[in-house]
N, C-alpha and C. Protein backbone atom coordinates (compact mmCIF):
# COMPACT_ATOMS: atom_id res chain seq x y z
N UNK A 1 3.02 -14.56 -1.35
CA UNK A 1 1.90 -15.04 -2.01
C UNK A 1 2.20 -13.22 -2.76
N UNK A 2 1.74 -13.41 -4.24
CA UNK A 2 1.25 -12.41 -5.16
C UNK A 2 -0.11 -12.21 -5.42
N UNK A 3 -0.25 -10.21 -4.42
CA UNK A 3 -1.42 -10.18 -4.77
C UNK A 3 -1.26 -8.81 -5.40
N UNK A 4 -2.70 -8.90 -6.30
CA UNK A 4 -2.71 -7.56 -7.60
C UNK A 4 -3.45 -6.96 -7.20
N UNK A 5 -3.19 -5.57 -7.07
CA UNK A 5 -4.37 -4.66 -6.42
C UNK A 5 -4.82 -3.45 -8.48
N UNK A 6 -5.98 -4.16 -8.58
CA UNK A 6 -6.28 -3.61 -9.55
C UNK A 6 -7.86 -2.55 -10.18
N UNK A 7 -8.09 -1.39 -9.84
CA UNK A 7 -9.41 -1.02 -9.67
C UNK A 7 -9.50 0.46 -10.43
N UNK A 8 -10.23 0.73 -10.98
CA UNK A 8 -10.93 2.31 -11.77
C UNK A 8 -10.28 2.98 -10.43
N UNK A 9 -10.62 4.51 -10.88
CA UNK A 9 -10.59 5.38 -9.55
C UNK A 9 -11.49 4.79 -8.89
N UNK A 10 -12.80 5.77 -9.81
CA UNK A 10 -14.34 5.86 -8.41
C UNK A 10 -14.67 4.57 -7.60
N UNK A 11 -13.13 2.74 -7.70
CA UNK A 11 -13.91 2.50 -6.75
C UNK A 11 -12.59 1.97 -5.42
N UNK A 12 -11.50 3.09 -5.83
CA UNK A 12 -10.63 2.16 -5.35
C UNK A 12 -10.69 3.62 -4.06
N UNK A 13 -11.74 3.46 -3.72
CA UNK A 13 -11.54 4.21 -2.54
C UNK A 13 -11.14 4.14 -0.80
N UNK A 14 -11.75 2.36 -0.79
CA UNK A 14 -11.40 1.49 0.66
C UNK A 14 -10.28 2.42 1.75
N UNK A 15 -9.42 1.02 0.33
CA UNK A 15 -7.89 0.96 0.89
C UNK A 15 -8.07 -0.32 2.50
N UNK A 16 -6.53 -0.20 2.84
CA UNK A 16 -6.43 -0.74 3.91
C UNK A 16 -6.51 0.02 5.21
N UNK A 17 -6.68 0.58 6.02
CA UNK A 17 -7.22 1.34 6.82
C UNK A 17 -6.42 0.44 7.85
N UNK A 18 -5.92 0.91 8.68
CA UNK A 18 -5.09 0.51 10.68
C UNK A 18 -5.29 -1.11 10.49
N UNK A 19 -4.38 -1.75 10.38
CA UNK A 19 -4.39 -3.26 10.65
C UNK A 19 -2.43 -3.42 10.35
N UNK A 20 -2.58 -4.80 12.20
CA UNK A 20 -1.11 -4.64 12.04
C UNK A 20 -0.56 -5.57 12.01
N UNK A 21 1.08 -5.08 12.23
CA UNK A 21 2.14 -6.37 11.24
C UNK A 21 2.88 -7.13 12.26
N UNK A 22 2.72 -8.96 12.01
CA UNK A 22 3.37 -9.29 12.78
C UNK A 22 4.76 -9.54 12.50
N UNK A 23 5.68 -9.42 12.20
CA UNK A 23 7.23 -9.98 11.74
C UNK A 23 7.00 -10.39 9.92
N UNK A 24 6.58 -9.61 9.07
CA UNK A 24 6.77 -10.17 7.95
C UNK A 24 7.17 -8.88 6.86
N UNK A 25 8.02 -9.59 5.40
CA UNK A 25 8.09 -8.42 4.65
C UNK A 25 7.13 -8.49 3.84
N UNK A 26 6.73 -7.47 3.48
CA UNK A 26 6.17 -7.08 2.11
C UNK A 26 7.33 -5.97 0.97
N UNK A 27 7.15 -6.47 -0.01
CA UNK A 27 7.54 -5.77 -1.23
C UNK A 27 6.47 -4.83 -1.96
N UNK A 28 5.85 -3.65 -2.28
CA UNK A 28 4.93 -3.26 -2.96
C UNK A 28 5.22 -2.70 -4.44
N UNK A 29 4.50 -2.26 -5.16
CA UNK A 29 5.07 -2.65 -6.53
C UNK A 29 3.56 -1.78 -6.94
N UNK A 30 3.72 0.02 -7.01
CA UNK A 30 2.61 0.49 -7.89
C UNK A 30 2.94 0.70 -9.96
N UNK A 31 2.27 0.84 -10.17
CA UNK A 31 2.44 0.71 -12.09
C UNK A 31 1.47 1.58 -12.41
N UNK A 32 0.54 2.18 -11.40
CA UNK A 32 -0.27 3.76 -12.20
C UNK A 32 -1.57 3.75 -10.87
N UNK A 33 -1.52 4.93 -10.30
CA UNK A 33 -1.97 5.38 -9.54
C UNK A 33 -1.40 5.60 -8.43
N UNK A 34 -1.48 6.52 -6.52
CA UNK A 34 -0.32 5.87 -6.06
C UNK A 34 -1.39 5.38 -4.18
N UNK A 35 -0.03 4.90 -3.46
CA UNK A 35 -1.02 4.25 -2.53
C UNK A 35 0.29 5.35 -1.07
N UNK A 36 -0.65 6.22 -0.03
CA UNK A 36 0.16 6.27 1.22
C UNK A 36 -0.35 5.57 1.52
N UNK A 37 0.67 5.22 2.39
CA UNK A 37 1.23 4.53 3.98
C UNK A 37 1.42 4.81 4.77
N UNK A 38 1.36 4.50 6.11
CA UNK A 38 1.90 5.06 7.36
C UNK A 38 1.25 3.96 8.55
N UNK A 39 2.56 4.33 9.46
CA UNK A 39 2.38 3.63 10.61
C UNK A 39 2.54 3.48 11.60
N UNK A 40 2.31 3.09 13.16
CA UNK A 40 2.13 3.40 14.14
C UNK A 40 3.56 4.12 15.35
N UNK A 41 4.50 3.87 14.29
CA UNK A 41 5.60 4.16 15.02
C UNK A 41 6.26 5.55 14.05
N UNK A 42 5.24 6.09 13.12
CA UNK A 42 5.48 7.88 12.56
C UNK A 42 5.82 7.60 11.13
N UNK A 43 6.30 7.03 10.76
CA UNK A 43 6.63 6.47 9.43
C UNK A 43 5.46 6.94 8.43
N UNK A 44 5.87 7.54 6.99
CA UNK A 44 4.42 7.49 6.35
C UNK A 44 5.51 7.81 4.89
N UNK A 45 4.81 7.67 4.09
CA UNK A 45 4.95 8.67 2.49
C UNK A 45 3.97 7.45 1.61
N UNK A 46 4.13 8.18 0.23
CA UNK A 46 3.16 7.73 -0.79
C UNK A 46 4.08 7.18 -1.78
N UNK A 47 3.98 6.28 -1.95
CA UNK A 47 4.15 5.52 -3.65
C UNK A 47 3.68 5.68 -5.18
N UNK A 48 4.71 5.89 -5.95
CA UNK A 48 3.83 6.46 -7.25
C UNK A 48 4.07 5.36 -7.99
N UNK A 49 3.56 5.66 -9.53
CA UNK A 49 3.83 4.68 -10.46
C UNK A 49 5.49 4.81 -10.24
N UNK A 50 5.99 3.84 -10.62
CA UNK A 50 6.41 2.48 -10.65
C UNK A 50 8.17 2.73 -9.30
N UNK A 51 6.80 3.10 -8.75
CA UNK A 51 7.61 3.26 -7.21
C UNK A 51 7.37 1.84 -6.27
N UNK A 52 8.38 1.61 -5.84
CA UNK A 52 8.76 0.74 -5.43
C UNK A 52 8.88 0.22 -2.98
N UNK A 53 8.44 -0.07 -2.37
CA UNK A 53 8.46 -0.03 -0.85
C UNK A 53 8.70 -0.98 -0.77
N UNK A 54 9.48 -1.72 -0.58
CA UNK A 54 10.43 -2.81 0.31
C UNK A 54 10.24 -2.13 2.38
N UNK A 55 9.38 -3.19 2.89
CA UNK A 55 9.00 -2.82 4.56
C UNK A 55 9.07 -4.40 4.95
N UNK A 56 9.70 -4.15 6.65
CA UNK A 56 9.70 -4.95 6.90
C UNK A 56 9.46 -4.91 8.32
N UNK A 57 8.45 -4.90 8.87
CA UNK A 57 7.52 -4.89 10.26
C UNK A 57 7.69 -6.25 11.05
N UNK A 58 7.84 -5.46 12.15
CA UNK A 58 8.00 -6.22 13.43
C UNK A 58 6.90 -6.08 14.57
N UNK A 59 6.50 -7.71 15.18
CA UNK A 59 5.55 -6.92 16.35
C UNK A 59 5.18 -5.91 16.50
N UNK A 60 4.05 -5.21 16.82
CA UNK A 60 2.94 -4.22 17.49
C UNK A 60 3.13 -3.16 16.82
N UNK A 61 3.69 -3.68 15.14
CA UNK A 61 3.03 -2.31 14.56
C UNK A 61 1.99 -2.17 13.26
N UNK A 62 0.90 -1.25 13.65
CA UNK A 62 0.03 -0.67 12.81
C UNK A 62 0.30 -0.45 12.15
N UNK A 63 0.24 -0.66 10.95
CA UNK A 63 -0.01 -0.12 9.01
C UNK A 63 -1.07 0.30 7.95
N UNK A 64 -1.13 1.35 7.20
CA UNK A 64 -2.09 1.34 6.88
C UNK A 64 -1.85 1.66 5.66
N UNK A 65 -2.55 1.38 4.31
CA UNK A 65 -2.50 1.71 3.01
C UNK A 65 -3.52 1.95 2.55
N UNK A 66 -3.66 3.57 1.71
CA UNK A 66 -4.79 4.55 1.09
C UNK A 66 -4.99 4.66 0.36
N UNK A 67 -5.23 4.53 -1.08
CA UNK A 67 -5.32 5.02 -1.80
C UNK A 67 -5.06 6.86 -2.42
N UNK A 68 -4.58 7.47 -3.18
CA UNK A 68 -4.45 8.34 -3.85
C UNK A 68 -4.75 8.25 -5.14
N UNK A 69 -5.84 8.15 -5.81
CA UNK A 69 -6.54 8.77 -7.34
C UNK A 69 -7.47 9.12 -7.39
N UNK A 70 -7.41 9.81 -8.02
CA UNK A 70 -8.74 10.88 -8.19
C UNK A 70 -9.47 9.98 -9.96
N UNK A 71 -8.06 10.16 -10.34
CA UNK A 71 -8.82 9.64 -11.88
C UNK A 71 -8.17 8.27 -12.77
N UNK A 72 -8.53 7.10 -13.38
CA UNK A 72 -8.09 6.54 -13.97
C UNK A 72 -7.99 5.57 -12.78
N UNK A 73 -6.37 4.62 -13.18
CA UNK A 73 -6.43 3.33 -12.51
C UNK A 73 -5.43 3.07 -11.43
N UNK A 74 -5.75 2.50 -10.60
CA UNK A 74 -5.13 2.19 -9.01
C UNK A 74 -5.07 0.77 -9.65
N UNK A 75 -3.23 0.32 -9.96
CA UNK A 75 -3.14 -1.03 -10.28
C UNK A 75 -1.57 -0.86 -9.77
N UNK A 76 -1.29 -2.15 -8.89
CA UNK A 76 -0.53 -2.38 -8.58
C UNK A 76 -0.39 -3.95 -8.11
N UNK A 77 1.43 -4.35 -7.88
CA UNK A 77 1.23 -5.49 -6.82
C UNK A 77 2.04 -5.62 -5.35
N UNK A 78 1.91 -6.51 -4.63
CA UNK A 78 2.43 -6.45 -3.32
C UNK A 78 2.82 -8.48 -2.91
N UNK A 79 3.76 -8.88 -2.57
CA UNK A 79 4.94 -9.43 -2.53
C UNK A 79 5.24 -10.07 -0.87
N UNK A 80 4.40 -11.07 -0.37
CA UNK A 80 4.38 -11.05 1.05
C UNK A 80 5.53 -12.22 0.83
């Protein structure tokens, strides 16, 4: 599945709070804005414009992805 995220900064506050991952992989690509990600294993980071994150998640991991954008556009893709 290919999911596109494209929102102006003033509408990009909700993000994707804590949610479980159960044995799948995602590839996230940011074109503009930034996404902060963290998981229950203590991993965290920020993906910025032009950044790519490949994630393999096993069963039992809780993950969150929250926007870090103050102006402009939050725009990216995630391949599942």
